[in-house]
Amino acid sequence: MVFRHMLLAAGLFAACNAEVFFKETFDGSYADRWTVSGKKDDYGEWKHTAGEFYGDAEANKGLQTGQDAKFYAISAPIPKPFGNKGKSIVVSFQLKDTQAIDCGGGYVKIINGDYDAKGFHGETDYWMMFGPDVCGYTKKIHFILNYKGKNLLWKKEPRPVDDRLTHVYTAIVNADGTYEMQIDGEKKESGKLEEDWDFMNPKEIDDAEDKKPSDWADDSMMDDPEDKKPEDWGNEPEQIADPEAEQPEDWDQEDDGQWEAPQIPNPKFQGEWKAKSIPNPAYKGVWAPKKIANPEYEEDAHMYVSKAPVSGVGLDLWQVKAGTIFDNIIISDSIDEVKAFTDETWGKTKDGEKAMSDKKDEEKKKAEDEKKEEDKKDEDKKDEDEDKED
């Protein structure tokens, strides 16, 4: 019983110490917090809307890209900039591609260092860039982390959800050097930071002094030494005169010269002889030099740490066809806090959104079918009138 009370107390202590660094639901006051960049004068305009279908007309309002073929840049400050050393950080946001996106970004940037709302742009420093990126056949989720001034690409390229409904994208970076990526609360990828990003030089490298033995057999197959070329091999020419060809009746030998039948492939031609292949008994496999410790490898237990305090959240992207809605962004050191927020937002409206979307799809299909029927009737009547005229 005492042990159970100790566990409960530990859980309550962890919950009480959880921090939410940033939370944005894009309610009616969002413009007080979010600033469109002034770095360029032709950034795309944003709309505050829930789109054509939703589970709750007010709660599902988010920030939507509003103009085709535009760059977008807007950001909001973190109320209290924070460092992430010794902390697990969870970044989560909701995304709806109402336009069935064909080329454009759908990611957020977690800004670090000095925050400049009007100066925010594509080269602004960030600790993390996370979210879908789609263009043609390229459909992947970015999970980029900055380390010592370099933006490191994720070695994995999972695909985002490809529909027009709202989905939740969550990135977790743990202080123990592990990470996880979730979609709609389900784990899709996980692993070690050191293995899935090029934070450091490899622990081991090829030994430059190790040379392949001269008798190493590289080929798994070899010519059969017992297989001999037949004596009559190669007696037939590759081309022969067509035996079915006949000299044309109007052929004039004086004017046209001596008639010759055209050449055709010889069906008896055997080509170049090659001995059959058999497994090579001396084959040792593909040779590779042995591995040795890399003298340039330096362990870094703090590779996950942002070089400067996290200070803002930005949306910096390009879209050919606008319509993506960003909503319900949260940054916390507690996955439980993020899950509770997701349940309270997306969890309560996703079924209603799906039902409304399905209903609109059915109405659209019905209207298209009725139009096809009307067009067919018009075509039939036109044909009937033409028959009468004839």
Protein backbone atom coordinates (compact mmCIF):
# COMPACT_ATOMS: atom_id res chain seq x y z
CA MET A 1 0.00 0.00 0.00
CA VAL A 2 2.85 2.37 0.90
CA PHE A 3 4.53 1.65 -2.43
CA ARG A 4 1.31 2.49 -4.33
CA HIS A 5 1.09 5.80 -2.49
CA MET A 6 4.71 6.53 -3.41
CA LEU A 7 4.01 5.86 -7.10
CA LEU A 8 0.89 8.05 -6.99
CA ALA A 9 2.82 10.85 -5.33
CA ALA A 10 5.58 10.58 -7.94
CA GLY A 11 3.01 10.79 -10.75
CA LEU A 12 1.33 13.83 -9.19
CA PHE A 13 4.71 15.51 -8.76
CA ALA A 14 5.56 14.95 -12.45
CA ALA A 15 2.17 16.29 -13.53
CA CYS A 16 2.53 19.39 -11.33
CA ASN A 17 5.97 20.09 -12.77
CA ALA A 18 4.89 19.72 -16.41
CA GLU A 19 5.17 22.92 -18.42
CA VAL A 20 3.28 24.16 -21.45
CA PHE A 21 5.51 26.68 -23.18
CA PHE A 22 3.18 27.57 -26.04
CA LYS A 23 -0.47 26.92 -26.84
CA GLU A 24 -2.44 28.38 -29.74
CA THR A 25 -6.04 27.57 -30.67
CA PHE A 26 -6.45 30.46 -33.14
CA ASP A 27 -9.50 31.94 -31.44
CA GLY A 28 -10.78 35.38 -32.32
CA SER A 29 -7.82 37.10 -30.63
CA TYR A 30 -5.09 35.26 -32.58
CA ALA A 31 -4.06 38.45 -34.45
CA ASP A 32 -2.88 39.93 -31.15
CA ARG A 33 -0.18 37.25 -31.05
CA TRP A 34 0.65 36.44 -34.66
CA THR A 35 2.53 38.85 -36.94
CA VAL A 36 2.92 38.64 -40.71
CA SER A 37 6.57 39.13 -41.68
CA GLY A 38 7.61 42.41 -43.23
CA LYS A 39 10.70 40.89 -44.86
CA LYS A 40 8.89 40.92 -48.24
CA ASP A 41 5.88 42.88 -49.42
CA ASP A 42 4.21 40.10 -51.42
CA TYR A 43 3.66 37.34 -48.86
CA GLY A 44 0.38 35.45 -49.21
CA GLU A 45 -2.64 36.47 -47.15
CA TRP A 46 -4.02 34.30 -44.34
CA LYS A 47 -7.68 33.55 -43.61
CA HIS A 48 -9.26 32.72 -40.27
CA THR A 49 -11.65 29.88 -41.07
CA ALA A 50 -12.70 26.32 -40.35
CA GLY A 51 -12.97 25.53 -44.07
CA GLU A 52 -15.88 23.97 -45.93
CA PHE A 53 -16.44 21.17 -43.42
CA TYR A 54 -15.75 20.89 -39.71
CA GLY A 55 -16.85 19.35 -36.46
CA ASP A 56 -17.36 22.72 -34.75
CA ALA A 57 -17.67 25.95 -36.74
CA GLU A 58 -15.86 28.05 -34.10
CA ALA A 59 -13.51 25.59 -32.42
CA ASN A 60 -12.14 24.37 -35.77
CA LYS A 61 -11.17 27.82 -37.03
CA GLY A 62 -7.49 28.00 -37.84
CA LEU A 63 -5.03 29.91 -39.97
CA GLN A 64 -5.51 29.09 -43.67
CA THR A 65 -3.29 29.94 -46.63
CA GLY A 66 -5.44 32.15 -48.86
CA GLN A 67 -3.66 32.78 -52.18
CA ASP A 68 -2.24 30.42 -54.79
CA ALA A 69 1.44 30.46 -55.77
CA LYS A 70 2.62 32.46 -52.78
CA PHE A 71 5.24 32.40 -50.04
CA TYR A 72 3.86 32.71 -46.50
CA ALA A 73 5.60 33.92 -43.37
CA ILE A 74 3.88 34.53 -40.03
CA SER A 75 5.03 33.93 -36.46
CA ALA A 76 4.20 34.30 -32.78
CA PRO A 77 6.49 34.67 -29.75
CA ILE A 78 6.91 32.12 -26.97
CA PRO A 79 5.58 33.96 -23.88
CA LYS A 80 8.60 32.83 -21.83
CA PRO A 81 11.56 31.69 -24.00
CA PHE A 82 12.99 28.45 -22.65
CA GLY A 83 15.98 26.18 -22.89
CA ASN A 84 15.48 22.47 -23.41
CA LYS A 85 18.57 21.04 -21.70
CA GLY A 86 17.52 18.11 -19.56
CA LYS A 87 13.97 18.24 -20.89
CA SER A 88 11.91 16.20 -23.29
CA ILE A 89 10.12 18.54 -25.68
CA VAL A 90 6.86 17.72 -27.48
CA VAL A 91 5.79 19.79 -30.50
CA SER A 92 2.31 19.12 -31.87
CA PHE A 93 -0.04 20.82 -34.32
CA GLN A 94 -3.12 20.08 -36.39
CA LEU A 95 -3.20 20.35 -40.16
CA LYS A 96 -5.97 20.16 -42.75
CA ASP A 97 -5.20 20.28 -46.49
CA THR A 98 -8.63 21.39 -47.66
CA GLN A 99 -7.36 21.84 -51.23
CA ALA A 100 -5.95 18.29 -51.58
CA ILE A 101 -2.47 19.82 -51.76
CA ASP A 102 -0.35 19.05 -54.83
CA CYS A 103 2.72 21.18 -54.08
CA GLY A 104 3.50 23.03 -50.90
CA GLY A 105 4.64 22.94 -47.31
CA GLY A 106 2.63 22.21 -44.19
CA TYR A 107 5.26 22.48 -41.46
CA VAL A 108 6.02 24.64 -38.44
CA LYS A 109 9.34 26.12 -37.38
CA ILE A 110 10.37 26.32 -33.73
CA ILE A 111 12.44 29.50 -33.65
CA ASN A 112 15.39 30.01 -31.30
CA GLY A 113 17.58 33.00 -30.46
CA ASP A 114 16.48 36.60 -30.82
CA TYR A 115 12.85 36.69 -31.97
CA ASP A 116 12.06 39.30 -34.64
CA ALA A 117 8.43 39.09 -35.79
CA LYS A 118 8.74 41.51 -38.73
CA GLY A 119 12.10 40.09 -39.78
CA PHE A 120 11.03 36.44 -39.76
CA HIS A 121 11.83 34.67 -43.06
CA GLY A 122 13.25 31.53 -44.62
CA GLU A 123 16.77 32.04 -43.24
CA THR A 124 15.72 32.77 -39.67
CA ASP A 125 17.43 30.46 -37.15
CA TYR A 126 15.33 27.62 -35.81
CA TRP A 127 15.79 24.58 -33.61
CA MET A 128 13.20 22.38 -35.30
CA MET A 129 11.27 22.31 -38.57
CA PHE A 130 8.54 19.71 -38.52
CA GLY A 131 5.60 18.71 -40.70
CA PRO A 132 4.50 17.53 -44.16
CA ASP A 133 5.98 18.68 -47.45
CA VAL A 134 4.31 17.67 -50.71
CA CYS A 135 5.22 18.31 -54.33
CA GLY A 136 4.21 15.90 -57.06
CA TYR A 137 5.47 12.41 -56.27
CA THR A 138 7.52 13.73 -53.33
CA LYS A 139 5.42 13.36 -50.20
CA LYS A 140 7.28 13.29 -46.91
CA ILE A 141 7.33 14.56 -43.35
CA HIS A 142 10.21 16.88 -42.51
CA PHE A 143 11.81 16.55 -39.09
CA ILE A 144 14.84 18.85 -39.25
CA LEU A 145 16.95 19.65 -36.18
CA ASN A 146 19.61 22.33 -35.94
CA TYR A 147 22.99 21.33 -34.53
CA LYS A 148 25.99 23.64 -34.31
CA GLY A 149 24.55 25.95 -36.95
CA LYS A 150 23.61 23.21 -39.42
CA ASN A 151 20.07 22.12 -40.26
CA LEU A 152 20.25 18.33 -40.19
CA LEU A 153 17.85 16.36 -42.39
CA TRP A 154 16.04 13.34 -41.00
CA LYS A 155 17.27 10.15 -42.65
CA LYS A 156 13.73 8.75 -42.67
CA GLU A 157 11.03 10.05 -45.03
CA PRO A 158 7.62 8.81 -43.86
CA ARG A 159 4.59 9.91 -45.88
CA PRO A 160 1.97 12.29 -44.48
CA VAL A 161 -1.73 11.45 -44.49
CA ASP A 162 -3.12 12.08 -47.96
CA ASP A 163 -6.70 13.33 -47.54
CA ARG A 164 -8.60 16.55 -46.81
CA LEU A 165 -9.35 15.95 -43.12
CA THR A 166 -7.61 17.37 -40.06
CA HIS A 167 -4.68 15.34 -38.72
CA VAL A 168 -2.37 15.76 -35.73
CA TYR A 169 1.42 15.75 -36.25
CA THR A 170 3.55 15.33 -33.12
CA ALA A 171 7.33 15.34 -32.69
CA ILE A 172 8.99 14.27 -29.42
CA VAL A 173 12.68 14.92 -28.70
CA ASN A 174 13.82 13.30 -25.47
CA ALA A 175 16.72 14.29 -23.23
CA ASP A 176 18.03 10.71 -23.33
CA GLY A 177 18.83 11.05 -27.04
CA THR A 178 15.74 9.27 -28.38
CA TYR A 179 12.82 10.61 -30.39
CA GLU A 180 9.36 9.71 -31.64
CA MET A 181 7.03 10.94 -34.39
CA GLN A 182 3.28 10.46 -34.14
CA ILE A 183 0.31 11.02 -36.45
CA ASP A 184 -3.10 11.27 -34.80
CA GLY A 185 -1.57 10.07 -31.54
CA GLU A 186 -0.13 6.87 -33.01
CA LYS A 187 3.62 6.24 -33.14
CA LYS A 188 4.84 6.11 -36.74
CA GLU A 189 8.61 6.43 -36.28
CA SER A 190 11.06 6.38 -33.39
CA GLY A 191 14.73 5.77 -32.70
CA LYS A 192 17.96 7.40 -31.59
CA LEU A 193 18.90 10.92 -32.61
CA GLU A 194 22.51 9.94 -33.25
CA GLU A 195 21.48 7.18 -35.66
CA ASP A 196 18.80 9.00 -37.66
CA TRP A 197 20.50 12.40 -38.04
CA ASP A 198 24.14 13.20 -38.84
CA PHE A 199 24.84 14.98 -35.57
CA MET A 200 28.38 13.67 -35.29
CA ASN A 201 31.04 11.87 -37.26
CA PRO A 202 30.58 8.08 -37.26
CA LYS A 203 31.99 6.09 -34.36
CA GLU A 204 33.81 3.76 -36.74
CA ILE A 205 35.41 4.23 -40.15
CA ASP A 206 37.06 1.96 -42.73
CA ASP A 207 40.68 1.12 -42.00
CA ALA A 208 42.66 2.78 -44.81
CA GLU A 209 45.55 0.38 -44.18
CA ASP A 210 43.43 -2.72 -44.71
CA LYS A 211 43.89 -3.98 -48.28
CA LYS A 212 42.01 -6.66 -50.16
CA PRO A 213 44.03 -9.92 -50.44
CA SER A 214 45.27 -10.62 -53.96
CA ASP A 215 43.60 -14.02 -54.00
CA TRP A 216 40.21 -12.73 -52.91
CA ALA A 217 37.47 -14.12 -55.15
CA ASP A 218 34.97 -11.35 -55.92
CA ASP A 219 32.67 -13.30 -58.24
CA SER A 220 30.06 -15.64 -56.83
CA MET A 221 29.78 -17.44 -60.21
CA MET A 222 32.42 -18.73 -62.63
CA ASP A 223 32.67 -20.41 -66.04
CA ASP A 224 32.38 -24.18 -65.86
CA PRO A 225 35.88 -25.50 -66.81
CA GLU A 226 34.30 -28.81 -67.90
CA ASP A 227 32.01 -27.09 -70.41
CA LYS A 228 33.59 -27.19 -73.90
CA LYS A 229 32.51 -25.46 -77.08
CA PRO A 230 30.96 -27.93 -79.62
CA GLU A 231 33.12 -28.53 -82.69
CA ASP A 232 30.38 -27.36 -85.08
CA TRP A 233 29.73 -24.15 -83.15
CA GLY A 234 30.08 -21.05 -85.28
CA ASN A 235 29.82 -22.72 -88.69
CA GLU A 236 26.64 -20.85 -89.54
CA PRO A 237 26.74 -17.19 -90.70
CA GLU A 238 24.71 -14.56 -88.86
CA GLN A 239 22.83 -13.48 -92.06
CA ILE A 240 21.65 -15.54 -95.04
CA ALA A 241 19.92 -14.80 -98.33
CA ASP A 242 16.13 -14.98 -98.01
CA PRO A 243 15.25 -18.35 -99.62
CA GLU A 244 11.69 -17.19 -100.32
CA ALA A 245 12.71 -14.00 -102.11
CA GLU A 246 12.19 -13.95 -105.88
CA GLN A 247 13.66 -11.70 -108.53
CA PRO A 248 11.07 -9.09 -109.59
CA GLU A 249 9.64 -9.67 -113.10
CA ASP A 250 10.61 -6.16 -114.21
CA TRP A 251 14.21 -6.54 -113.04
CA ASP A 252 16.59 -5.41 -115.82
CA GLN A 253 20.03 -6.89 -115.29
CA GLU A 254 21.72 -4.40 -117.62
CA ASP A 255 20.19 -1.40 -115.82
CA ASP A 256 19.79 -2.82 -112.31
CA GLY A 257 22.82 -5.10 -112.09
CA GLN A 258 22.98 -8.67 -110.82
CA TRP A 259 19.93 -9.37 -108.63
CA GLU A 260 20.64 -10.65 -105.12
CA ALA A 261 18.13 -11.88 -102.60
CA PRO A 262 17.87 -9.67 -99.48
CA GLN A 263 19.61 -10.82 -96.32
CA ILE A 264 17.66 -12.10 -93.31
CA PRO A 265 18.74 -13.35 -89.85
CA ASN A 266 19.95 -16.94 -89.98
CA PRO A 267 17.77 -19.06 -87.68
CA LYS A 268 20.67 -21.52 -87.30
CA PHE A 269 23.13 -18.85 -86.18
CA GLN A 270 24.31 -19.67 -82.65
CA GLY A 271 26.06 -16.46 -81.69
CA GLU A 272 29.09 -16.19 -79.46
CA TRP A 273 29.72 -19.32 -77.42
CA LYS A 274 29.96 -18.97 -73.66
CA ALA A 275 30.60 -21.61 -71.08
CA LYS A 276 27.76 -22.14 -68.62
CA SER A 277 28.13 -20.57 -65.18
CA ILE A 278 28.51 -22.52 -61.97
CA PRO A 279 28.95 -21.41 -58.31
CA ASN A 280 32.49 -20.31 -57.59
CA PRO A 281 33.86 -22.55 -54.79
CA ALA A 282 36.51 -19.92 -53.94
CA TYR A 283 33.97 -17.09 -53.49
CA LYS A 284 34.36 -15.40 -50.08
CA GLY A 285 31.70 -12.72 -50.37
CA VAL A 286 31.96 -8.99 -50.97
CA TRP A 287 35.19 -7.71 -49.49
CA ALA A 288 35.13 -4.69 -47.21
CA PRO A 289 37.92 -3.16 -45.14
CA LYS A 290 37.73 -3.73 -41.41
CA LYS A 291 36.35 -1.01 -39.16
CA ILE A 292 38.41 0.99 -36.70
CA ALA A 293 37.56 3.66 -34.16
CA ASN A 294 37.14 7.10 -35.74
CA PRO A 295 39.60 9.53 -34.11
CA GLU A 296 37.32 12.44 -35.09
CA TYR A 297 34.29 11.03 -33.28
CA GLU A 298 33.24 13.03 -30.24
CA GLU A 299 30.35 11.90 -28.09
CA ASP A 300 27.78 14.59 -27.31
CA ALA A 301 25.08 13.75 -24.80
CA HIS A 302 23.53 17.18 -25.40
CA MET A 303 23.06 16.96 -29.15
CA TYR A 304 19.33 17.55 -28.71
CA VAL A 305 19.80 20.92 -26.98
CA SER A 306 18.86 24.11 -28.81
CA LYS A 307 21.89 26.42 -29.09
CA ALA A 308 19.75 29.34 -27.84
CA PRO A 309 16.47 29.63 -25.94
CA VAL A 310 13.38 28.68 -27.94
CA SER A 311 11.66 31.99 -28.59
CA GLY A 312 8.93 31.65 -31.21
CA VAL A 313 6.79 29.58 -33.53
CA GLY A 314 6.68 30.34 -37.25
CA LEU A 315 4.93 29.26 -40.42
CA ASP A 316 7.31 29.83 -43.32
CA LEU A 317 6.30 27.99 -46.50
CA TRP A 318 5.41 28.05 -50.18
CA GLN A 319 2.18 26.74 -51.71
CA VAL A 320 1.16 26.42 -55.35
CA LYS A 321 -2.49 25.80 -54.46
CA ALA A 322 -3.59 27.44 -51.23
CA GLY A 323 -6.04 26.10 -48.67
CA THR A 324 -4.06 24.46 -45.83
CA ILE A 325 -5.38 25.18 -42.33
CA PHE A 326 -3.01 25.19 -39.32
CA ASP A 327 -4.62 24.84 -35.90
CA ASN A 328 -4.06 23.96 -32.24
CA ILE A 329 -0.30 24.25 -31.85
CA ILE A 330 1.22 23.21 -28.53
CA ILE A 331 4.75 22.90 -27.15
CA SER A 332 5.28 21.18 -23.80
CA ASP A 333 7.70 19.02 -21.87
CA SER A 334 4.88 16.58 -21.15
CA ILE A 335 3.33 14.16 -23.63
CA ASP A 336 0.38 13.84 -21.24
CA GLU A 337 -0.31 17.58 -21.48
CA VAL A 338 -0.17 17.38 -25.27
CA LYS A 339 -2.43 14.32 -25.35
CA ALA A 340 -4.98 16.02 -23.11
CA PHE A 341 -4.95 19.08 -25.38
CA THR A 342 -5.33 16.92 -28.50
CA ASP A 343 -8.23 15.00 -26.95
CA GLU A 344 -9.94 18.26 -26.03
CA THR A 345 -9.58 19.74 -29.53
CA TRP A 346 -9.17 17.26 -32.39
CA GLY A 347 -10.58 14.38 -30.38
CA LYS A 348 -13.93 16.12 -29.84
CA THR A 349 -14.45 17.33 -33.41
CA LYS A 350 -12.84 14.78 -35.76
CA ASP A 351 -15.92 12.55 -36.06
CA GLY A 352 -18.18 15.50 -36.80
CA GLU A 353 -15.72 16.79 -39.40
CA LYS A 354 -15.59 13.37 -41.09
CA ALA A 355 -19.41 13.12 -41.14
CA MET A 356 -19.76 16.59 -42.68
CA SER A 357 -17.05 15.84 -45.23
CA ASP A 358 -18.73 12.57 -46.24
CA LYS A 359 -22.09 14.33 -46.58
CA LYS A 360 -20.60 17.02 -48.81
CA ASP A 361 -18.90 14.37 -50.95
CA GLU A 362 -22.21 12.56 -51.36
CA GLU A 363 -23.98 15.80 -52.30
CA LYS A 364 -21.26 16.62 -54.80
CA LYS A 365 -21.47 13.16 -56.39
CA LYS A 366 -25.27 13.39 -56.56
CA ALA A 367 -25.06 16.79 -58.27
CA GLU A 368 -22.49 15.44 -60.76
CA ASP A 369 -24.66 12.40 -61.52
CA GLU A 370 -27.74 14.61 -62.05
CA LYS A 371 -25.77 16.86 -64.38
CA LYS A 372 -24.57 13.86 -66.39
CA GLU A 373 -28.17 12.68 -66.67
CA GLU A 374 -29.35 16.11 -67.82
CA ASP A 375 -26.52 16.32 -70.34
CA LYS A 376 -27.48 12.88 -71.67
CA LYS A 377 -31.11 13.92 -72.03
CA ASP A 378 -30.09 17.07 -73.89
CA GLU A 379 -27.86 15.02 -76.22
CA ASP A 380 -30.63 12.47 -76.86
CA LYS A 381 -33.12 15.25 -77.64
CA LYS A 382 -30.63 16.88 -79.98
CA ASP A 383 -30.16 13.58 -81.85
CA GLU A 384 -33.94 13.10 -82.00
CA ASP A 385 -34.46 16.60 -83.46
CA GLU A 386 -31.76 15.97 -86.07
CA ASP A 387 -33.45 12.70 -87.08
CA LYS A 388 -36.76 14.52 -87.55
CA GLU A 389 -35.11 17.14 -89.75
CA ASP A 390 -33.62 14.38 -91.92
